Every structure is written in structure tokens, then in C-alpha cells.
Protein backbone atom coordinates (compact mmCIF):
# COMPACT_ATOMS: atom_id res chain seq x y z
CA UNK A 1 22.35 3.14 -20.54
CA UNK A 2 20.31 0.54 -18.68
CA UNK A 3 19.86 2.95 -15.75
CA UNK A 4 18.58 5.70 -18.04
CA UNK A 5 16.11 3.34 -19.68
CA UNK A 6 14.88 2.10 -16.31
CA UNK A 7 14.30 5.70 -15.19
CA UNK A 8 12.31 6.35 -18.38
CA UNK A 9 10.24 3.20 -17.78
CA UNK A 10 9.31 4.22 -14.23
CA UNK A 11 8.40 7.78 -15.29
CA UNK A 12 6.30 6.41 -18.17
CA UNK A 13 4.47 4.02 -15.87
CA UNK A 14 3.93 6.53 -13.06
CA UNK A 15 3.34 9.57 -15.32
CA UNK A 16 4.93 11.63 -12.58
CA UNK A 17 8.50 12.82 -12.12
CA UNK A 18 7.88 13.14 -8.37
CA UNK A 19 6.60 9.59 -7.91
CA UNK A 20 9.38 8.23 -10.11
CA UNK A 21 12.05 9.99 -8.06
CA UNK A 22 10.60 8.51 -4.85
CA UNK A 23 10.49 4.98 -6.27
CA UNK A 24 14.01 5.26 -7.71
CA UNK A 25 15.53 6.96 -4.64
CA UNK A 26 17.04 9.77 -6.73
CA UNK A 27 16.26 13.48 -6.91
CA UNK A 28 13.52 14.83 -9.14
CA UNK A 29 16.00 17.08 -11.03
CA UNK A 30 18.10 13.98 -11.79
CA UNK A 31 15.03 12.22 -13.21
CA UNK A 32 14.11 15.24 -15.31
CA UNK A 33 17.68 15.57 -16.61
CA UNK A 34 17.76 11.89 -17.63
CA UNK A 35 14.52 12.24 -19.59
CA UNK A 36 15.79 15.42 -21.25
CA UNK A 37 19.05 13.68 -22.23
CA UNK A 38 17.15 10.76 -23.75
CA UNK A 39 14.88 13.11 -25.71
CA UNK A 40 17.90 14.99 -27.04
CA UNK A 41 19.76 11.79 -27.91
CA UNK A 42 16.79 10.39 -29.85
CA UNK A 43 15.65 13.77 -31.22
CA UNK A 44 12.13 13.26 -29.91
CA UNK A 45 9.71 14.52 -27.31
CA UNK A 46 8.50 11.64 -25.15
CA UNK A 47 6.23 13.52 -22.72
CA UNK A 48 3.68 16.32 -22.88
CA UNK A 49 4.29 18.41 -19.79
CA UNK A 50 1.26 20.09 -18.26
CA UNK A 51 0.99 22.18 -15.10
CA UNK A 52 0.28 19.29 -12.71
CA UNK A 53 0.73 16.21 -14.87
CA UNK A 54 2.52 14.60 -17.79
CA UNK A 55 1.47 12.14 -20.47
CA UNK A 56 3.25 10.11 -23.10
CA UNK A 57 3.45 11.34 -26.67
CA UNK A 58 3.11 8.87 -29.55
CA UNK A 59 6.92 8.79 -29.73
CA UNK A 60 7.03 8.16 -25.98
CA UNK A 61 4.63 5.22 -26.26
CA UNK A 62 6.71 3.72 -29.07
CA UNK A 63 9.94 4.29 -27.15
CA UNK A 64 8.49 2.52 -24.09
CA UNK A 65 7.88 -0.61 -26.18
CA UNK A 66 11.56 -0.69 -27.17
CA UNK A 67 12.66 0.07 -23.60
CA UNK A 68 10.68 -2.89 -22.24
CA UNK A 69 12.26 -5.19 -24.83
CA UNK A 70 15.78 -3.95 -24.09
CA UNK A 71 15.43 -4.19 -20.30
CA UNK A 72 14.10 -7.73 -20.65
CA UNK A 73 17.20 -8.66 -22.66
CA UNK A 74 19.43 -7.05 -20.01
CA UNK A 75 17.76 -9.18 -17.33
CA UNK A 76 18.15 -12.34 -19.39
CA UNK A 77 21.84 -11.54 -19.99
CA UNK A 78 22.49 -10.90 -16.30
CA UNK A 79 20.74 -14.12 -15.37
CA UNK A 80 22.84 -16.03 -17.88
CA UNK A 81 26.26 -14.59 -17.06
CA UNK A 82 26.07 -13.05 -13.58
CA UNK A 83 23.21 -14.17 -11.38
CA UNK A 84 23.59 -17.89 -12.06
CA UNK A 85 27.18 -17.65 -10.83
CA UNK A 86 25.88 -16.61 -7.41
CA UNK A 87 25.98 -19.63 -5.12
CA UNK A 88 22.56 -19.99 -3.60
CA UNK A 89 21.97 -21.73 -0.28
CA UNK A 90 19.56 -24.60 0.02
CA UNK A 91 17.23 -22.49 2.13
CA UNK A 92 16.55 -18.75 2.60
CA UNK A 93 14.78 -17.62 5.75
CA UNK A 94 13.29 -14.20 6.32
CA UNK A 95 10.29 -12.49 7.84
CA UNK A 96 7.53 -10.44 6.25
CA UNK A 97 4.76 -8.42 7.78
CA UNK A 98 1.27 -9.65 6.98
CA UNK A 99 0.38 -7.46 4.00
CA UNK A 100 3.74 -8.04 2.31
CA UNK A 101 3.72 -11.79 3.00
CA UNK A 102 0.20 -12.25 1.66
CA UNK A 103 -0.02 -9.97 -1.35
CA UNK A 104 3.48 -9.08 -2.59
CA UNK A 105 6.09 -11.72 -1.73
CA UNK A 106 4.41 -14.90 -3.17
CA UNK A 107 4.61 -13.66 -6.79
CA UNK A 108 8.26 -12.68 -6.37
CA UNK A 109 9.18 -15.99 -4.75
CA UNK A 110 7.58 -17.84 -7.66
CA UNK A 111 9.87 -15.96 -10.08
CA UNK A 112 12.90 -16.61 -7.87
CA UNK A 113 12.28 -20.34 -7.71
CA UNK A 114 11.84 -20.47 -11.48
CA UNK A 115 15.52 -19.46 -11.62
CA UNK A 116 16.68 -21.36 -8.54
CA UNK A 117 14.33 -24.33 -8.08
CA UNK A 118 16.76 -25.89 -5.59
CA UNK A 119 16.22 -23.06 -3.08
CA UNK A 120 13.56 -23.54 -0.42
CA UNK A 121 12.04 -20.66 1.50
CA UNK A 122 11.07 -20.42 5.13
CA UNK A 123 9.00 -17.24 5.46
CA UNK A 124 7.80 -16.13 8.88
CA UNK A 125 4.71 -13.95 8.70
CA UNK A 126 3.43 -11.68 11.46
CA UNK A 127 2.71 -8.07 12.20
CA UNK A 128 5.60 -5.60 11.88
CA UNK A 129 6.28 -5.55 15.61
CA UNK A 130 6.62 -9.35 15.74
CA UNK A 131 8.96 -9.52 12.73
CA UNK A 132 11.22 -6.76 14.05
CA UNK A 133 11.38 -8.50 17.44
CA UNK A 134 12.46 -11.77 15.78
CA UNK A 135 15.21 -9.90 13.89
CA UNK A 136 16.42 -8.15 17.04
CA UNK A 137 16.54 -11.47 18.88
CA UNK A 138 18.50 -13.03 15.97
CA UNK A 139 15.81 -15.57 15.14
CA UNK A 140 15.66 -13.99 11.67
CA UNK A 141 18.42 -12.26 9.69
CA UNK A 142 16.18 -9.85 7.76
CA UNK A 143 12.64 -9.07 6.77
CA UNK A 144 10.23 -6.71 5.02
CA UNK A 145 7.91 -4.72 7.26
CA UNK A 146 5.16 -2.14 6.94
CA UNK A 147 6.67 0.63 9.00
CA UNK A 148 9.87 2.23 10.21
CA UNK A 149 10.62 2.55 13.91
CA UNK A 150 13.36 4.64 15.44
CA UNK A 151 15.36 1.76 16.85
CA UNK A 152 19.12 2.17 16.38
CA UNK A 153 19.59 -1.59 16.53
CA UNK A 154 17.64 -1.97 13.29
CA UNK A 155 18.57 -0.79 9.81
CA UNK A 156 15.73 0.17 7.43
CA UNK A 157 15.90 0.61 3.66
CA UNK A 158 12.92 1.75 1.58
CA UNK A 159 11.41 -0.91 -0.69
CA UNK A 160 8.16 0.32 -2.26
CA UNK A 161 5.54 2.92 -1.51
CA UNK A 162 2.05 1.75 -0.62
CA UNK A 163 -1.27 3.55 -0.31
CA UNK A 164 -3.89 2.91 2.36
CA UNK A 165 -7.46 3.63 1.25
CA UNK A 166 -10.98 3.52 2.66
CA UNK A 167 -12.83 0.40 1.53
CA UNK A 168 -16.34 -0.97 1.85
CA UNK A 169 -18.73 -3.49 0.27
CA UNK A 170 -19.26 -2.64 -3.42
CA UNK A 171 -23.04 -2.63 -2.84
CA UNK A 172 -22.89 -0.20 0.10
CA UNK A 173 -24.87 2.93 -0.88
CA UNK A 174 -24.53 4.86 2.39
CA UNK A 175 -21.91 7.29 1.03
CA UNK A 176 -23.02 9.50 -1.86
CA UNK A 177 -20.73 9.65 -4.89
CA UNK A 178 -18.26 7.39 -3.06
CA UNK A 179 -16.63 10.48 -1.53
CA UNK A 180 -16.57 11.82 2.03
CA UNK A 181 -15.00 14.70 3.92
CA UNK A 182 -12.28 13.60 6.30
CA UNK A 183 -14.31 14.99 9.23
CA UNK A 184 -17.03 12.40 8.46
CA UNK A 185 -14.55 9.54 8.79
CA UNK A 186 -15.15 9.39 12.55
CA UNK A 187 -18.84 8.58 12.04
CA UNK A 188 -18.39 5.47 9.91
CA UNK A 189 -18.55 1.97 11.48
CA UNK A 190 -14.98 0.72 11.09
CA UNK A 191 -13.15 -2.59 11.29
CA UNK A 192 -9.42 -2.58 12.04
CA UNK A 193 -6.37 -4.77 12.66
CA UNK A 194 -4.93 -5.84 15.99
CA UNK A 195 -2.39 -4.05 18.19
CA UNK A 196 1.12 -4.23 16.72
CA UNK A 197 0.00 -3.99 13.11
CA UNK A 198 2.29 -1.76 11.06
CA UNK A 199 -0.69 -0.69 8.97
CA UNK A 200 -2.60 0.35 12.04
CA UNK A 201 0.35 2.38 13.37
CA UNK A 202 0.65 4.26 10.07
CA UNK A 203 -3.10 4.94 9.92
CA UNK A 204 -3.25 6.48 13.38
CA UNK A 205 -0.16 8.57 12.75
CA UNK A 206 -1.78 10.06 9.63
CA UNK A 207 -5.13 10.53 11.39
CA UNK A 208 -3.39 12.46 14.16
CA UNK A 209 -1.76 14.80 11.62
CA UNK A 210 -5.23 15.42 10.16
CA UNK A 211 -6.75 16.24 13.58
CA UNK A 212 -8.88 13.09 13.65
CA UNK A 213 -8.61 11.88 17.27
CA UNK A 214 -10.34 8.50 16.92
CA UNK A 215 -12.43 6.22 14.74
CA UNK A 216 -15.73 4.48 15.40
CA UNK A 217 -14.33 0.97 15.75
CA UNK A 218 -16.95 -1.77 15.84
CA UNK A 219 -14.66 -4.79 15.48
CA UNK A 220 -10.99 -5.85 15.66
CA UNK A 221 -9.74 -8.70 13.47
CA UNK A 222 -6.26 -10.20 13.25
CA UNK A 223 -5.76 -10.24 9.47
CA UNK A 224 -6.60 -8.28 6.34
CA UNK A 225 -8.25 -11.36 4.84
CA UNK A 226 -10.57 -11.60 7.85
CA UNK A 227 -11.45 -7.92 7.47
CA UNK A 228 -12.19 -8.36 3.76
CA UNK A 229 -14.41 -11.36 4.42
CA UNK A 230 -16.31 -9.34 7.02
CA UNK A 231 -16.77 -6.43 4.59
CA UNK A 232 -18.25 -8.78 1.96
CA UNK A 233 -21.20 -9.33 4.31
CA UNK A 234 -21.62 -5.94 5.98
CA UNK A 235 -21.79 -2.20 5.34
CA UNK A 236 -18.82 -1.46 7.57
CA UNK A 237 -15.62 0.21 6.39
CA UNK A 238 -11.89 -0.42 6.73
CA UNK A 239 -8.62 1.28 5.88
CA UNK A 240 -6.57 -1.23 3.86
CA UNK A 241 -3.50 -1.39 1.66
CA UNK A 242 -4.37 -0.97 -2.02
CA UNK A 243 -2.22 -4.08 -2.64
CA UNK A 244 -4.62 -6.18 -0.59
CA UNK A 245 -7.79 -6.00 -2.67
CA UNK A 246 -7.05 -5.35 -6.36
CA UNK A 247 -8.85 -8.59 -7.29
CA UNK A 248 -11.84 -7.54 -5.19
CA UNK A 249 -12.09 -4.27 -7.12
CA UNK A 250 -12.03 -6.06 -10.46
CA UNK A 251 -14.60 -8.59 -9.24
CA UNK A 252 -16.85 -5.82 -7.90
CA UNK A 253 -16.79 -7.14 -4.34
CA UNK A 254 -15.23 -4.08 -2.67
CA UNK A 255 -14.94 -0.43 -3.64
CA UNK A 256 -12.83 2.56 -2.63
CA UNK A 257 -14.32 5.61 -0.92
CA UNK A 258 -12.33 8.76 -1.63
CA UNK A 259 -11.45 10.90 1.39
CA UNK A 260 -11.28 14.56 0.39
CA UNK A 261 -8.02 16.38 1.16
CA UNK A 262 -6.37 13.37 2.80
CA UNK A 263 -4.07 10.66 1.47
CA UNK A 264 -2.52 7.78 3.37
CA UNK A 265 0.83 6.71 1.99
CA UNK A 266 3.52 4.63 3.64
CA UNK A 267 6.64 2.68 2.74
CA UNK A 268 7.45 -0.97 3.03
CA UNK A 269 11.02 -1.42 4.31
CA UNK A 270 13.77 -4.00 4.15
CA UNK A 271 14.91 -4.37 7.75
CA UNK A 272 17.90 -6.09 9.32
CA UNK A 273 20.03 -5.72 12.43
CA UNK A 274 22.34 -2.72 12.25
CA UNK A 275 25.73 -3.86 10.95
CA UNK A 276 24.47 -7.21 9.65
CA UNK A 277 25.92 -8.12 6.25
CA UNK A 278 25.01 -10.99 3.95
CA UNK A 279 25.64 -11.49 0.23
CA UNK A 280 22.54 -13.67 0.04
CA UNK A 281 20.42 -10.96 1.69
CA UNK A 282 21.83 -8.33 -0.70
CA UNK A 283 21.19 -10.52 -3.74
CA UNK A 284 17.67 -11.38 -2.65
CA UNK A 285 16.91 -7.72 -1.93
CA UNK A 286 18.09 -6.73 -5.42
CA UNK A 287 16.04 -9.55 -6.93
CA UNK A 288 12.92 -8.42 -5.08
CA UNK A 289 13.40 -4.82 -6.19
CA UNK A 290 13.93 -5.73 -9.86
CA UNK A 291 10.98 -8.14 -9.95
CA UNK A 292 8.39 -6.03 -8.20
CA UNK A 293 6.10 -4.46 -10.80
CA UNK A 294 5.08 -0.97 -9.79
């Protein structure tokens, strides 16, 4: 039952069967069947299905409140009777690519240490290429990176989907209606990350598929924070992870420019050496998955 409720929760939050299936790593028909079974079991309709979208009914909104309560109790029960019986080491070491290490992992680690205050973390941050090299050379057991490379010595498992968007200073008026055609992207003054960045690799792969051969790069900086600080004081543009500037959107410091007919999505991956097994790694991975809020 917990699995069914979790599927409902993700669909309700995403308002998309397709996105929910991607996040849950199950087929879209399986997601749809689960929702149908729940609706039949509770003799209700939880979603209004339109041609290209869905939305929660009043019953669906009420059901989601109960689902959140029940799943919270499940987590508390597991923590009381299962998770606390897992012997934790004094220290956990892993690597994380820059975006993950800066904007995603700290909140999860705070929750982990609330349960296991005796556990210390040693987190190595770097671009995806650097983290994967450290894993291959056995300096790290596992990590979370921003891209997937076809290296048979490494094993990749999907974590969460991320979106890369075009960003500029909130006061920049040079683009009308905050929307551009993708062909105009080449004309904008751009700032980008350094060589070896997983984000940069993903961006150029997507640009190539959209027949955009190059960008007008005016500056290279070695971190997303450096790029953001530059954008605060200029009318340049950058392609950044949506996870990296949510506070800047709310504080009206940066804004998103929509690119017509082009989206930039990528996955963050758990990565380890092929064949490497660790109960601690498995437990931590499960903890990260269950405590990341989509």
C-alpha cells in the first residue's frame, strides 16, 4: 500500500503521469493503473484528465492530505524499527559534482545527521569528470554526478531529473516578453562553466541536437556561484540548473528567459565502480532518494 500511495503523491505533485513515471522508474501504464486502482478502491475520482494535462479534483486534494500523513507515519515507523538497527560508520565519504554538492546534498545531510548525529561526512566536491576520476582511482567509493558517461568501469543509476534554463539579471530588459527563439541564443553574451563540467557537457550535447553550433561566450568561470554573482552585475546570460537559483527567483535577483521549442533536461546519477557493493552506500542512496523533495 505504501508504494501505491507514494505513486499517487508523485503524480499529484508533478500533475503528469509521464513525469511521475520517469521519477519513479516505472512505466507510465503502471502509474496509470495504480491511480485507477486507488480511485476504484476509494470510489472517487482524484484527477481531471485533459488532453495534455491533469489536475487534482477536490477529492484528490483531500486524499493527498491523508497520503502525506500516512507516508510520514511509515517513515517514522521505519526509522524506529528498521533504520536505527542499521549500524552506521563513524564517517561516510563520497563525492558530488558541484551543482549537487552546493544545492541538493546539504539539506539531505542535515536530515541524515538529525537521525545519526554520530556520523561525520567527508564530501569531495568537483566537476563530474573529477569525481568520476576519483571513483575510478578508488579514492572515493561512490558519488553523485551531473552526467552519464559510457565507461564500463563505472555503474550509473538515475537519481533525479534536473532542468537547465536560460538565466539573466532580473532587471535586464534586452529580451522582449522574456522569450526568445532558439536561433537567437547564439547572439546573446553568455557566461559558462569550465572544461569538465557535467552541466556544460549536457548543454552542448543538447545544443548540437538543436543545430546550434556555438554560443557567444564572453567569460568562463569555475563555479555556478561565481556565474550568479557576475549576472547580478551585468546583462549577460547563462544556462544554469533550476536547482541553483530558486532563492534568486524569489528575491527578484535573476529571471528565466524561455527558449521557444527547446528544453534542456538531464539526470543526476549515483555512480560507483562497476561491481562495487556496500550496505552503507545502498542505505545512504535510499535515504537520499526518500528525502529529496521533488
